Amino acid sequence: MKITLAAAAITAILIATPAATQQLQRVCGERAKILAHLNKNYGEVPYIVGLAANGSVLEITRNTAGSWTLLYTHTDGTSCVVGSGESLQTISAEPNGIAL
């Protein structure tokens, strides 16, 4: 449930703010090479992955200290880093909504 909520939230943010994501300087390339770089330099490993309606893939990598990267893989196989940061936390879903 936690993973589904996180993937849904990320998808909503990306869809709602296309202008903001276009302003980011994107780093794109082969998924395997990007993941190897994130693991070697930041200790990040894949954490959440989700398939979008258009066939693209959204993925979050993270490390144990809370560093994270959002990776978007296009349907042509090209992967792009579209965001990164610190203090990644999971949110537990409550029966009557999300606990904050």
C-alpha atoms as a PDB file:
ATOM      1  CA  MET A   1       0.000   0.000   0.000  1.00  0.00           C
ATOM      2  CA  LYS A   2       2.830   2.407   0.854  1.00  0.00           C
ATOM      3  CA  ILE A   3       4.459   1.856  -2.531  1.00  0.00           C
ATOM      4  CA  THR A   4       1.197   2.363  -4.416  1.00  0.00           C
ATOM      5  CA  LEU A   5       0.526   5.655  -2.614  1.00  0.00           C
ATOM      6  CA  ALA A   6       4.045   6.907  -3.271  1.00  0.00           C
ATOM      7  CA  ALA A   7       3.913   5.990  -6.964  1.00  0.00           C
ATOM      8  CA  ALA A   8       0.485   7.629  -7.335  1.00  0.00           C
ATOM      9  CA  ALA A   9       1.709  10.804  -5.644  1.00  0.00           C
ATOM     10  CA  ILE A  10       4.790  11.011  -7.844  1.00  0.00           C
ATOM     11  CA  THR A  11       2.741  10.461 -10.997  1.00  0.00           C
ATOM     12  CA  ALA A  12       0.274  13.173  -9.942  1.00  0.00           C
ATOM     13  CA  ILE A  13       3.087  15.638  -9.288  1.00  0.00           C
ATOM     14  CA  LEU A  14       4.728  14.966 -12.648  1.00  0.00           C
ATOM     15  CA  ILE A  15       1.438  15.291 -14.520  1.00  0.00           C
ATOM     16  CA  ALA A  16       0.374  18.424 -12.631  1.00  0.00           C
ATOM     17  CA  THR A  17       3.652  20.282 -13.104  1.00  0.00           C
ATOM     18  CA  PRO A  18       4.966  19.629 -16.614  1.00  0.00           C
ATOM     19  CA  ALA A  19       6.373  23.162 -16.892  1.00  0.00           C
ATOM     20  CA  ALA A  20       8.331  22.726 -13.673  1.00  0.00           C
ATOM     21  CA  THR A  21       9.807  19.400 -14.768  1.00  0.00           C
ATOM     22  CA  GLN A  22      10.762  20.847 -18.156  1.00  0.00           C
ATOM     23  CA  GLN A  23      12.831  23.552 -16.441  1.00  0.00           C
ATOM     24  CA  LEU A  24      15.048  20.960 -14.749  1.00  0.00           C
ATOM     25  CA  GLN A  25      18.314  20.140 -16.446  1.00  0.00           C
ATOM     26  CA  ARG A  26      17.787  16.481 -17.186  1.00  0.00           C
ATOM     27  CA  VAL A  27      20.455  13.841 -17.246  1.00  0.00           C
ATOM     28  CA  CYS A  28      19.443  11.067 -19.643  1.00  0.00           C
ATOM     29  CA  GLY A  29      21.010   7.823 -20.782  1.00  0.00           C
ATOM     30  CA  GLU A  30      20.869   4.069 -20.425  1.00  0.00           C
ATOM     31  CA  ARG A  31      18.988   2.958 -17.309  1.00  0.00           C
ATOM     32  CA  ALA A  32      21.660   0.439 -16.290  1.00  0.00           C
ATOM     33  CA  LYS A  33      24.417   3.067 -16.487  1.00  0.00           C
ATOM     34  CA  ILE A  34      22.411   5.621 -14.496  1.00  0.00           C
ATOM     35  CA  LEU A  35      21.590   3.044 -11.804  1.00  0.00           C
ATOM     36  CA  ALA A  36      25.244   1.976 -11.611  1.00  0.00           C
ATOM     37  CA  HIS A  37      26.295   5.622 -11.207  1.00  0.00           C
ATOM     38  CA  LEU A  38      23.708   6.243  -8.478  1.00  0.00           C
ATOM     39  CA  ASN A  39      24.820   3.118  -6.621  1.00  0.00           C
ATOM     40  CA  LYS A  40      28.551   3.803  -6.920  1.00  0.00           C
ATOM     41  CA  ASN A  41      28.419   7.514  -6.073  1.00  0.00           C
ATOM     42  CA  TYR A  42      25.462   7.746  -3.692  1.00  0.00           C
ATOM     43  CA  GLY A  43      24.829   4.196  -2.491  1.00  0.00           C
ATOM     44  CA  GLU A  44      21.309   4.351  -3.951  1.00  0.00           C
ATOM     45  CA  VAL A  45      19.407   1.248  -5.020  1.00  0.00           C
ATOM     46  CA  PRO A  46      15.983   0.851  -6.658  1.00  0.00           C
ATOM     47  CA  TYR A  47      13.211   1.275  -4.078  1.00  0.00           C
ATOM     48  CA  ILE A  48       9.903   1.904  -5.876  1.00  0.00           C
ATOM     49  CA  VAL A  49       8.953   1.224  -9.472  1.00  0.00           C
ATOM     50  CA  GLY A  50       5.671   1.804 -11.278  1.00  0.00           C
ATOM     51  CA  LEU A  51       4.315   1.500 -14.791  1.00  0.00           C
ATOM     52  CA  ALA A  52       2.524   4.587 -16.133  1.00  0.00           C
ATOM     53  CA  ALA A  53      -0.521   4.393 -18.404  1.00  0.00           C
ATOM     54  CA  ASN A  54       1.579   5.369 -21.438  1.00  0.00           C
ATOM     55  CA  GLY A  55       4.039   2.499 -20.888  1.00  0.00           C
ATOM     56  CA  SER A  56       6.798   4.593 -19.343  1.00  0.00           C
ATOM     57  CA  VAL A  57       8.312   3.623 -15.996  1.00  0.00           C
ATOM     58  CA  LEU A  58       8.754   5.771 -12.885  1.00  0.00           C
ATOM     59  CA  GLU A  59      11.353   4.623 -10.398  1.00  0.00           C
ATOM     60  CA  ILE A  60      12.722   5.914  -7.121  1.00  0.00           C
ATOM     61  CA  THR A  61      16.159   4.924  -5.894  1.00  0.00           C
ATOM     62  CA  ARG A  62      17.287   5.573  -2.346  1.00  0.00           C
ATOM     63  CA  ASN A  63      20.033   4.943   0.160  1.00  0.00           C
ATOM     64  CA  THR A  64      19.829   4.232   3.888  1.00  0.00           C
ATOM     65  CA  ALA A  65      20.526   7.883   4.770  1.00  0.00           C
ATOM     66  CA  GLY A  66      17.425   9.100   2.889  1.00  0.00           C
ATOM     67  CA  SER A  67      19.000  10.315  -0.354  1.00  0.00           C
ATOM     68  CA  TRP A  68      16.694   9.676  -3.322  1.00  0.00           C
ATOM     69  CA  THR A  69      16.497  10.040  -7.094  1.00  0.00           C
ATOM     70  CA  LEU A  70      13.438   9.946  -9.363  1.00  0.00           C
ATOM     71  CA  LEU A  71      14.131   8.194 -12.650  1.00  0.00           C
ATOM     72  CA  TYR A  72      11.746   8.277 -15.625  1.00  0.00           C
ATOM     73  CA  THR A  73      12.206   5.704 -18.373  1.00  0.00           C
ATOM     74  CA  HIS A  74      10.545   6.615 -21.665  1.00  0.00           C
ATOM     75  CA  THR A  75       8.859   4.020 -23.866  1.00  0.00           C
ATOM     76  CA  ASP A  76      11.885   4.142 -26.206  1.00  0.00           C
ATOM     77  CA  GLY A  77      14.082   2.927 -23.322  1.00  0.00           C
ATOM     78  CA  THR A  78      15.814   6.242 -22.591  1.00  0.00           C
ATOM     79  CA  SER A  79      15.982   6.991 -18.854  1.00  0.00           C
ATOM     80  CA  CYS A  80      16.159  10.492 -17.385  1.00  0.00           C
ATOM     81  CA  VAL A  81      16.770  11.753 -13.865  1.00  0.00           C
ATOM     82  CA  VAL A  82      13.898  14.147 -13.175  1.00  0.00           C
ATOM     83  CA  GLY A  83      14.491  14.866  -9.503  1.00  0.00           C
ATOM     84  CA  SER A  84      16.612  14.081  -6.472  1.00  0.00           C
ATOM     85  CA  GLY A  85      16.865  15.071  -2.858  1.00  0.00           C
ATOM     86  CA  GLU A  86      17.226  14.027   0.753  1.00  0.00           C
ATOM     87  CA  SER A  87      15.111  12.857   3.687  1.00  0.00           C
ATOM     88  CA  LEU A  88      12.980  10.312   1.828  1.00  0.00           C
ATOM     89  CA  GLN A  89      10.318   8.928   4.144  1.00  0.00           C
ATOM     90  CA  THR A  90       7.492   6.444   3.695  1.00  0.00           C
ATOM     91  CA  ILE A  91       3.979   7.354   4.782  1.00  0.00           C
ATOM     92  CA  SER A  92       1.674   4.762   6.313  1.00  0.00           C
ATOM     93  CA  ALA A  93      -1.846   4.640   4.964  1.00  0.00           C
ATOM     94  CA  GLU A  94      -4.551   4.832   7.593  1.00  0.00           C
ATOM     95  CA  PRO A  95      -8.006   3.305   7.037  1.00  0.00           C
ATOM     96  CA  ASN A  96      -9.580   6.800   6.964  1.00  0.00           C
ATOM     97  CA  GLY A  97      -6.852   8.564   5.004  1.00  0.00           C
ATOM     98  CA  ILE A  98      -3.161   9.242   5.135  1.00  0.00           C
ATOM     99  CA  ALA A  99      -1.566   9.928   8.501  1.00  0.00           C
ATOM    100  CA  LEU A 100       0.723  12.932   8.375  1.00  0.00           C
END
